[in-house]
Amino acid sequence: QVQLVESGGGLVQAGGSLRLTCAASGRTSRSYVMGWFRQAPGKEREFTARISTSGDNTYYTDSVKGRFTISRDNAKNTVYLQMNSLKPEDTAVYYCAAGPPGSGYQYWGQGTQVTVSS
């Protein structure tokens, strides 16, 4: 079982930055692929970014490429999402997720709200 706790959300003006943190605990969390998803009001949850177990490989949805950076510190069982040049359309609840490679995301955090004002 893996527990995920997100933090770092808040209110920021357009063009600003935030760094989200996902603290993972429990067995084998370091061997899991980690991802960030987001859900805007009235919309379905969507994939945002993911990182491999080693941190060597990352993947982003097109709308955040060049602005967001996902990283992980396996020694601290922590995953980060650095968000720069934020836009109002980035407003959403951001969720951290974890799962074994090739098996989909099995564990989810409770989410952290990010609000970008224009």
N, C-alpha and C. Protein backbone atom coordinates (compact mmCIF):
# COMPACT_ATOMS: atom_id res chain seq x y z
N GLN A 1 0.84 -1.20 0.00
CA GLN A 1 0.00 0.00 0.00
C GLN A 1 0.88 1.25 0.00
N VAL A 2 0.49 2.25 -0.79
CA VAL A 2 1.23 3.51 -0.89
C VAL A 2 0.27 4.65 -0.56
N GLN A 3 0.73 5.53 0.30
CA GLN A 3 -0.05 6.73 0.62
C GLN A 3 0.63 7.94 -0.02
N LEU A 4 -0.18 8.80 -0.61
CA LEU A 4 0.33 9.97 -1.31
C LEU A 4 -0.32 11.22 -0.73
N VAL A 5 0.51 12.21 -0.44
CA VAL A 5 -0.01 13.47 0.11
C VAL A 5 0.57 14.62 -0.69
N GLU A 6 -0.31 15.39 -1.33
CA GLU A 6 0.13 16.54 -2.12
C GLU A 6 0.13 17.81 -1.27
N SER A 7 0.99 18.74 -1.64
CA SER A 7 1.03 20.05 -1.01
C SER A 7 1.61 21.05 -2.01
N GLY A 8 1.47 22.33 -1.67
CA GLY A 8 2.08 23.36 -2.50
C GLY A 8 1.12 24.13 -3.38
N GLY A 9 -0.13 23.75 -3.39
CA GLY A 9 -1.10 24.49 -4.19
C GLY A 9 -1.39 25.85 -3.58
N GLY A 10 -2.13 26.66 -4.33
CA GLY A 10 -2.48 27.98 -3.83
C GLY A 10 -2.98 28.87 -4.93
N LEU A 11 -3.05 30.16 -4.61
CA LEU A 11 -3.51 31.17 -5.56
C LEU A 11 -2.30 31.95 -6.07
N VAL A 12 -2.21 32.09 -7.39
CA VAL A 12 -1.08 32.79 -7.99
C VAL A 12 -1.58 33.57 -9.20
N GLN A 13 -0.92 34.67 -9.51
CA GLN A 13 -1.29 35.44 -10.69
C GLN A 13 -0.73 34.79 -11.95
N ALA A 14 -1.38 35.06 -13.04
CA ALA A 14 -0.91 34.55 -14.32
C ALA A 14 0.55 34.97 -14.55
N GLY A 15 1.34 34.04 -15.03
CA GLY A 15 2.76 34.27 -15.22
C GLY A 15 3.62 33.86 -14.05
N GLY A 16 2.97 33.55 -12.95
CA GLY A 16 3.69 33.16 -11.75
C GLY A 16 4.07 31.69 -11.73
N SER A 17 4.62 31.27 -10.60
CA SER A 17 5.10 29.90 -10.46
C SER A 17 4.63 29.28 -9.15
N LEU A 18 4.50 27.98 -9.17
CA LEU A 18 4.24 27.19 -7.98
C LEU A 18 5.00 25.89 -8.09
N ARG A 19 5.35 25.30 -6.95
CA ARG A 19 5.93 23.97 -6.95
C ARG A 19 5.07 23.07 -6.09
N LEU A 20 4.54 22.04 -6.72
CA LEU A 20 3.77 21.04 -6.00
C LEU A 20 4.67 19.92 -5.52
N THR A 21 4.35 19.40 -4.36
CA THR A 21 5.10 18.30 -3.77
C THR A 21 4.16 17.14 -3.49
N CYS A 22 4.63 15.94 -3.77
CA CYS A 22 3.88 14.72 -3.45
C CYS A 22 4.78 13.84 -2.60
N ALA A 23 4.39 13.67 -1.35
CA ALA A 23 5.14 12.83 -0.44
C ALA A 23 4.53 11.44 -0.42
N ALA A 24 5.35 10.46 -0.72
CA ALA A 24 4.88 9.08 -0.78
C ALA A 24 5.39 8.29 0.41
N SER A 25 4.57 7.42 0.93
CA SER A 25 4.98 6.55 2.02
C SER A 25 4.42 5.17 1.78
N GLY A 26 5.03 4.21 2.41
CA GLY A 26 4.58 2.85 2.21
C GLY A 26 5.58 2.03 1.41
N ARG A 27 5.25 0.80 1.27
CA ARG A 27 6.19 -0.13 0.66
C ARG A 27 6.37 0.13 -0.84
N THR A 28 7.57 -0.03 -1.31
CA THR A 28 7.97 -0.03 -2.72
C THR A 28 7.60 1.22 -3.50
N SER A 29 7.38 2.33 -2.84
CA SER A 29 7.00 3.54 -3.57
C SER A 29 8.09 3.97 -4.54
N ARG A 30 9.35 3.65 -4.22
CA ARG A 30 10.43 4.07 -5.09
C ARG A 30 10.44 3.29 -6.41
N SER A 31 9.76 2.17 -6.45
CA SER A 31 9.72 1.37 -7.67
C SER A 31 8.50 1.67 -8.52
N TYR A 32 7.79 2.73 -8.20
CA TYR A 32 6.58 3.08 -8.92
C TYR A 32 6.81 4.22 -9.89
N VAL A 33 6.15 4.16 -11.01
CA VAL A 33 6.03 5.33 -11.89
C VAL A 33 5.14 6.33 -11.16
N MET A 34 5.52 7.59 -11.24
CA MET A 34 4.75 8.65 -10.57
C MET A 34 4.18 9.61 -11.62
N GLY A 35 2.99 10.07 -11.36
CA GLY A 35 2.37 10.99 -12.31
C GLY A 35 1.61 12.10 -11.61
N TRP A 36 1.38 13.15 -12.37
CA TRP A 36 0.50 14.23 -11.94
C TRP A 36 -0.67 14.32 -12.91
N PHE A 37 -1.84 14.47 -12.35
CA PHE A 37 -3.06 14.68 -13.12
C PHE A 37 -3.73 15.94 -12.60
N ARG A 38 -4.66 16.48 -13.39
CA ARG A 38 -5.40 17.64 -12.91
C ARG A 38 -6.84 17.56 -13.37
N GLN A 39 -7.70 18.19 -12.59
CA GLN A 39 -9.12 18.22 -12.92
C GLN A 39 -9.65 19.63 -12.72
N ALA A 40 -10.04 20.25 -13.81
CA ALA A 40 -10.61 21.59 -13.76
C ALA A 40 -12.11 21.49 -13.49
N PRO A 41 -12.71 22.56 -13.00
CA PRO A 41 -14.15 22.53 -12.71
C PRO A 41 -14.96 22.15 -13.95
N GLY A 42 -15.83 21.17 -13.79
CA GLY A 42 -16.70 20.76 -14.88
C GLY A 42 -16.03 19.91 -15.93
N LYS A 43 -14.78 19.53 -15.71
CA LYS A 43 -14.07 18.74 -16.70
C LYS A 43 -13.58 17.44 -16.10
N GLU A 44 -13.21 16.51 -16.97
CA GLU A 44 -12.68 15.24 -16.51
C GLU A 44 -11.22 15.39 -16.08
N ARG A 45 -10.80 14.47 -15.22
CA ARG A 45 -9.40 14.45 -14.82
C ARG A 45 -8.53 14.16 -16.03
N GLU A 46 -7.43 14.90 -16.18
CA GLU A 46 -6.56 14.69 -17.33
C GLU A 46 -5.12 14.50 -16.89
N PHE A 47 -4.40 13.72 -17.69
CA PHE A 47 -2.98 13.49 -17.46
C PHE A 47 -2.20 14.78 -17.66
N THR A 48 -1.20 15.02 -16.80
CA THR A 48 -0.37 16.21 -16.92
C THR A 48 1.09 15.86 -17.16
N ALA A 49 1.65 14.99 -16.32
CA ALA A 49 3.07 14.64 -16.45
C ALA A 49 3.32 13.32 -15.74
N ARG A 50 4.39 12.63 -16.16
CA ARG A 50 4.78 11.41 -15.45
C ARG A 50 6.30 11.30 -15.47
N ILE A 51 6.81 10.49 -14.56
CA ILE A 51 8.25 10.29 -14.45
C ILE A 51 8.51 8.83 -14.14
N SER A 52 9.57 8.30 -14.74
CA SER A 52 9.92 6.90 -14.56
C SER A 52 10.46 6.66 -13.16
N THR A 53 10.64 5.39 -12.84
CA THR A 53 11.10 5.04 -11.50
C THR A 53 12.47 5.65 -11.19
N SER A 54 13.33 5.69 -12.18
CA SER A 54 14.68 6.23 -11.97
C SER A 54 14.72 7.74 -12.09
N GLY A 55 13.70 8.31 -12.71
CA GLY A 55 13.70 9.75 -12.96
C GLY A 55 14.32 10.14 -14.28
N ASP A 56 14.80 9.15 -15.04
CA ASP A 56 15.50 9.45 -16.29
C ASP A 56 14.55 9.83 -17.42
N ASN A 57 13.32 9.37 -17.32
CA ASN A 57 12.37 9.61 -18.41
C ASN A 57 11.16 10.36 -17.89
N THR A 58 10.79 11.39 -18.62
CA THR A 58 9.61 12.19 -18.28
C THR A 58 8.75 12.37 -19.52
N TYR A 59 7.48 12.65 -19.29
CA TYR A 59 6.53 12.84 -20.38
C TYR A 59 5.48 13.83 -19.91
N TYR A 60 5.09 14.73 -20.85
CA TYR A 60 4.15 15.80 -20.52
C TYR A 60 3.03 15.88 -21.53
N THR A 61 1.90 16.33 -21.08
CA THR A 61 0.85 16.67 -22.03
C THR A 61 1.27 17.95 -22.76
N ASP A 62 0.82 18.09 -23.98
CA ASP A 62 1.30 19.19 -24.83
C ASP A 62 1.09 20.57 -24.21
N SER A 63 0.01 20.75 -23.51
CA SER A 63 -0.33 22.09 -23.01
C SER A 63 0.61 22.60 -21.92
N VAL A 64 1.41 21.72 -21.34
CA VAL A 64 2.32 22.16 -20.27
C VAL A 64 3.78 22.02 -20.65
N LYS A 65 4.07 21.48 -21.81
CA LYS A 65 5.47 21.31 -22.23
C LYS A 65 6.18 22.65 -22.27
N GLY A 66 7.39 22.67 -21.72
CA GLY A 66 8.17 23.89 -21.68
C GLY A 66 7.85 24.79 -20.50
N ARG A 67 6.77 24.49 -19.78
CA ARG A 67 6.39 25.30 -18.61
C ARG A 67 6.46 24.51 -17.30
N PHE A 68 6.12 23.23 -17.36
CA PHE A 68 6.11 22.38 -16.17
C PHE A 68 7.29 21.41 -16.22
N THR A 69 7.81 21.09 -15.04
CA THR A 69 8.89 20.11 -14.92
C THR A 69 8.58 19.16 -13.77
N ILE A 70 8.55 17.87 -14.09
CA ILE A 70 8.36 16.86 -13.06
C ILE A 70 9.72 16.29 -12.67
N SER A 71 9.90 16.04 -11.39
CA SER A 71 11.15 15.46 -10.90
C SER A 71 10.85 14.63 -9.67
N ARG A 72 11.81 13.81 -9.28
CA ARG A 72 11.62 12.99 -8.09
C ARG A 72 12.92 12.87 -7.32
N ASP A 73 12.78 12.70 -6.02
CA ASP A 73 13.91 12.45 -5.13
C ASP A 73 13.60 11.14 -4.42
N ASN A 74 14.15 10.06 -4.93
CA ASN A 74 13.84 8.75 -4.37
C ASN A 74 14.35 8.58 -2.94
N ALA A 75 15.37 9.30 -2.59
CA ALA A 75 15.88 9.23 -1.21
C ALA A 75 14.86 9.79 -0.22
N LYS A 76 14.04 10.72 -0.72
CA LYS A 76 13.02 11.34 0.13
C LYS A 76 11.62 10.84 -0.19
N ASN A 77 11.50 9.91 -1.13
CA ASN A 77 10.18 9.41 -1.55
C ASN A 77 9.25 10.57 -1.92
N THR A 78 9.77 11.49 -2.69
CA THR A 78 9.03 12.70 -3.02
C THR A 78 9.09 12.98 -4.52
N VAL A 79 7.98 13.46 -5.04
CA VAL A 79 7.88 13.86 -6.44
C VAL A 79 7.45 15.33 -6.47
N TYR A 80 7.99 16.05 -7.41
CA TYR A 80 7.70 17.48 -7.52
C TYR A 80 7.12 17.80 -8.89
N LEU A 81 6.35 18.87 -8.91
CA LEU A 81 5.90 19.44 -10.18
C LEU A 81 6.15 20.94 -10.11
N GLN A 82 7.20 21.37 -10.81
CA GLN A 82 7.50 22.79 -10.89
C GLN A 82 6.68 23.38 -12.03
N MET A 83 5.87 24.37 -11.70
CA MET A 83 4.98 24.97 -12.68
C MET A 83 5.34 26.44 -12.86
N ASN A 84 5.78 26.78 -14.05
CA ASN A 84 6.17 28.15 -14.38
C ASN A 84 5.24 28.73 -15.45
N SER A 85 5.26 30.04 -15.59
CA SER A 85 4.44 30.72 -16.60
C SER A 85 3.00 30.25 -16.54
N LEU A 86 2.46 30.22 -15.36
CA LEU A 86 1.11 29.70 -15.17
C LEU A 86 0.07 30.55 -15.87
N LYS A 87 -0.97 29.87 -16.35
CA LYS A 87 -2.06 30.50 -17.07
C LYS A 87 -3.37 30.23 -16.34
N PRO A 88 -4.37 31.07 -16.54
CA PRO A 88 -5.66 30.81 -15.89
C PRO A 88 -6.22 29.42 -16.21
N GLU A 89 -5.94 28.93 -17.41
CA GLU A 89 -6.44 27.60 -17.79
C GLU A 89 -5.72 26.47 -17.06
N ASP A 90 -4.69 26.78 -16.30
CA ASP A 90 -4.03 25.77 -15.46
C ASP A 90 -4.77 25.57 -14.14
N THR A 91 -5.77 26.40 -13.88
CA THR A 91 -6.54 26.27 -12.65
C THR A 91 -7.22 24.91 -12.58
N ALA A 92 -6.97 24.19 -11.50
CA ALA A 92 -7.49 22.83 -11.35
C ALA A 92 -7.08 22.29 -9.99
N VAL A 93 -7.66 21.15 -9.64
CA VAL A 93 -7.14 20.36 -8.53
C VAL A 93 -6.11 19.41 -9.13
N TYR A 94 -4.93 19.41 -8.55
CA TYR A 94 -3.84 18.59 -9.04
C TYR A 94 -3.67 17.37 -8.14
N TYR A 95 -3.59 16.21 -8.79
CA TYR A 95 -3.49 14.94 -8.08
C TYR A 95 -2.18 14.24 -8.41
N CYS A 96 -1.60 13.64 -7.40
CA CYS A 96 -0.44 12.80 -7.55
C CYS A 96 -0.91 11.35 -7.65
N ALA A 97 -0.23 10.56 -8.48
CA ALA A 97 -0.61 9.16 -8.65
C ALA A 97 0.64 8.30 -8.75
N ALA A 98 0.49 7.02 -8.40
CA ALA A 98 1.61 6.10 -8.42
C ALA A 98 1.15 4.73 -8.87
N GLY A 99 2.05 4.01 -9.54
CA GLY A 99 1.72 2.66 -9.95
C GLY A 99 2.93 1.93 -10.47
N PRO A 100 2.91 0.60 -10.45
CA PRO A 100 4.01 -0.18 -11.00
C PRO A 100 4.17 0.07 -12.49
N PRO A 101 5.37 0.03 -13.03
CA PRO A 101 5.56 0.23 -14.47
C PRO A 101 4.69 -0.72 -15.29
N GLY A 102 3.98 -0.17 -16.24
CA GLY A 102 3.16 -0.98 -17.13
C GLY A 102 1.83 -1.43 -16.57
N SER A 103 1.49 -1.03 -15.36
CA SER A 103 0.26 -1.52 -14.73
C SER A 103 -0.76 -0.42 -14.43
N GLY A 104 -0.49 0.79 -14.87
CA GLY A 104 -1.43 1.86 -14.59
C GLY A 104 -1.26 2.40 -13.18
N TYR A 105 -1.98 3.48 -12.92
CA TYR A 105 -1.87 4.13 -11.62
C TYR A 105 -2.83 3.49 -10.63
N GLN A 106 -2.29 3.03 -9.53
CA GLN A 106 -3.09 2.31 -8.55
C GLN A 106 -3.38 3.13 -7.30
N TYR A 107 -2.58 4.14 -7.05
CA TYR A 107 -2.71 4.92 -5.83
C TYR A 107 -2.84 6.40 -6.19
N TRP A 108 -3.68 7.09 -5.44
CA TRP A 108 -3.96 8.50 -5.72
C TRP A 108 -3.94 9.30 -4.43
N GLY A 109 -3.48 10.53 -4.53
CA GLY A 109 -3.58 11.44 -3.41
C GLY A 109 -4.92 12.14 -3.39
N GLN A 110 -5.11 13.00 -2.41
CA GLN A 110 -6.38 13.71 -2.24
C GLN A 110 -6.47 14.96 -3.09
N GLY A 111 -5.36 15.43 -3.59
CA GLY A 111 -5.37 16.60 -4.47
C GLY A 111 -5.03 17.89 -3.75
N THR A 112 -4.53 18.84 -4.52
CA THR A 112 -4.24 20.18 -4.02
C THR A 112 -4.73 21.19 -5.05
N GLN A 113 -5.38 22.23 -4.58
CA GLN A 113 -5.99 23.21 -5.47
C GLN A 113 -4.97 24.22 -5.96
N VAL A 114 -4.96 24.44 -7.26
CA VAL A 114 -4.16 25.49 -7.87
C VAL A 114 -5.11 26.45 -8.58
N THR A 115 -5.03 27.72 -8.23
CA THR A 115 -5.88 28.73 -8.85
C THR A 115 -4.99 29.82 -9.43
N VAL A 116 -5.15 30.08 -10.73
CA VAL A 116 -4.36 31.10 -11.42
C VAL A 116 -5.29 32.22 -11.82
N SER A 117 -5.04 33.40 -11.30
CA SER A 117 -5.89 34.55 -11.61
C SER A 117 -5.33 35.32 -12.80
N SER A 118 -6.22 35.92 -13.56
CA SER A 118 -5.79 36.67 -14.76
C SER A 118 -5.51 38.12 -14.43
